[in-house]
Amino acid sequence: MKNNVIKELSDAELQERLTVEKLQLNKMKINHAVTPLENPNVIKESRRGIARIMTELRNRDIKSNSVDNK
């Protein structure tokens, strides 16, 4: 998932997307352990997508806290 797409989503949509992505990653890991995936790089891309979503959520949290403190 691209950063510009992530920035357009609301907080609730990002939380929902994060849970879905984490579930998919766990399923991919389990499936890869049983029968190797054709392209194991999808696991790495999924982890990076999760990290991008978590980073955007954290940035929004920091921005909202800094506005509240002023």
Protein backbone atom coordinates (compact mmCIF):
# COMPACT_ATOMS: atom_id res chain seq x y z
CA MET A 1 0.00 0.00 0.00
CA LYS A 2 1.35 3.39 -1.00
CA ASN A 3 1.90 6.20 1.49
CA ASN A 4 -0.38 8.63 -0.37
CA VAL A 5 -3.25 6.12 -0.13
CA ILE A 6 -2.59 5.61 3.58
CA LYS A 7 -2.64 9.35 4.28
CA GLU A 8 -6.07 9.69 2.64
CA LEU A 9 -7.72 7.13 4.94
CA SER A 10 -9.40 8.07 8.21
CA ASP A 11 -8.19 6.83 11.59
CA ALA A 12 -10.98 4.25 11.84
CA GLU A 13 -10.24 2.95 8.34
CA LEU A 14 -6.55 2.68 9.18
CA GLN A 15 -7.29 0.71 12.36
CA GLU A 16 -9.55 -1.64 10.43
CA ARG A 17 -6.98 -2.04 7.65
CA LEU A 18 -4.26 -2.71 10.23
CA THR A 19 -6.16 -5.61 11.80
CA VAL A 20 -6.94 -7.09 8.38
CA GLU A 21 -3.32 -6.81 7.26
CA LYS A 22 -2.05 -8.42 10.47
CA LEU A 23 -4.45 -11.35 10.05
CA GLN A 24 -3.39 -11.81 6.43
CA LEU A 25 0.28 -11.74 7.44
CA ASN A 26 -0.28 -14.45 10.05
CA LYS A 27 -2.13 -16.61 7.53
CA MET A 28 0.67 -16.15 4.99
CA LYS A 29 3.30 -17.12 7.56
CA ILE A 30 1.41 -20.26 8.51
CA ASN A 31 0.79 -21.22 4.89
CA HIS A 32 4.44 -20.57 4.06
CA ALA A 33 5.54 -22.89 6.87
CA VAL A 34 3.36 -25.70 5.54
CA THR A 35 3.90 -25.22 1.82
CA PRO A 36 6.39 -22.61 0.63
CA LEU A 37 4.91 -19.62 -1.13
CA GLU A 38 5.73 -19.07 -4.77
CA ASN A 39 6.98 -15.58 -3.95
CA PRO A 40 8.06 -15.25 -0.30
CA ASN A 41 8.73 -11.52 -0.79
CA VAL A 42 5.01 -10.89 -0.30
CA ILE A 43 5.56 -11.54 3.41
CA LYS A 44 8.19 -8.79 3.52
CA GLU A 45 5.93 -6.39 1.62
CA SER A 46 3.05 -7.15 3.97
CA ARG A 47 5.23 -6.40 7.01
CA ARG A 48 6.30 -3.12 5.47
CA GLY A 49 2.70 -2.18 4.72
CA ILE A 50 1.76 -2.83 8.34
CA ALA A 51 4.68 -0.68 9.45
CA ARG A 52 3.55 2.15 7.15
CA ILE A 53 0.03 2.06 8.60
CA MET A 54 1.34 2.00 12.17
CA THR A 55 3.68 4.90 11.41
CA GLU A 56 0.86 7.01 9.99
CA LEU A 57 -1.33 6.27 13.02
CA ARG A 58 1.49 7.26 15.36
CA ASN A 59 2.18 10.48 13.43
CA ARG A 60 -1.48 11.44 13.67
CA ASP A 61 -1.46 10.69 17.39
CA ILE A 62 1.61 12.88 17.92
CA LYS A 63 0.09 15.72 15.89
CA SER A 64 -3.17 15.61 17.82
CA ASN A 65 -1.32 15.59 21.16
CA SER A 66 0.91 18.49 20.17
CA VAL A 67 -2.13 20.55 19.14
CA ASP A 68 -3.85 19.77 22.45
CA ASN A 69 -0.81 20.85 24.48
CA LYS A 70 -0.58 24.29 22.88
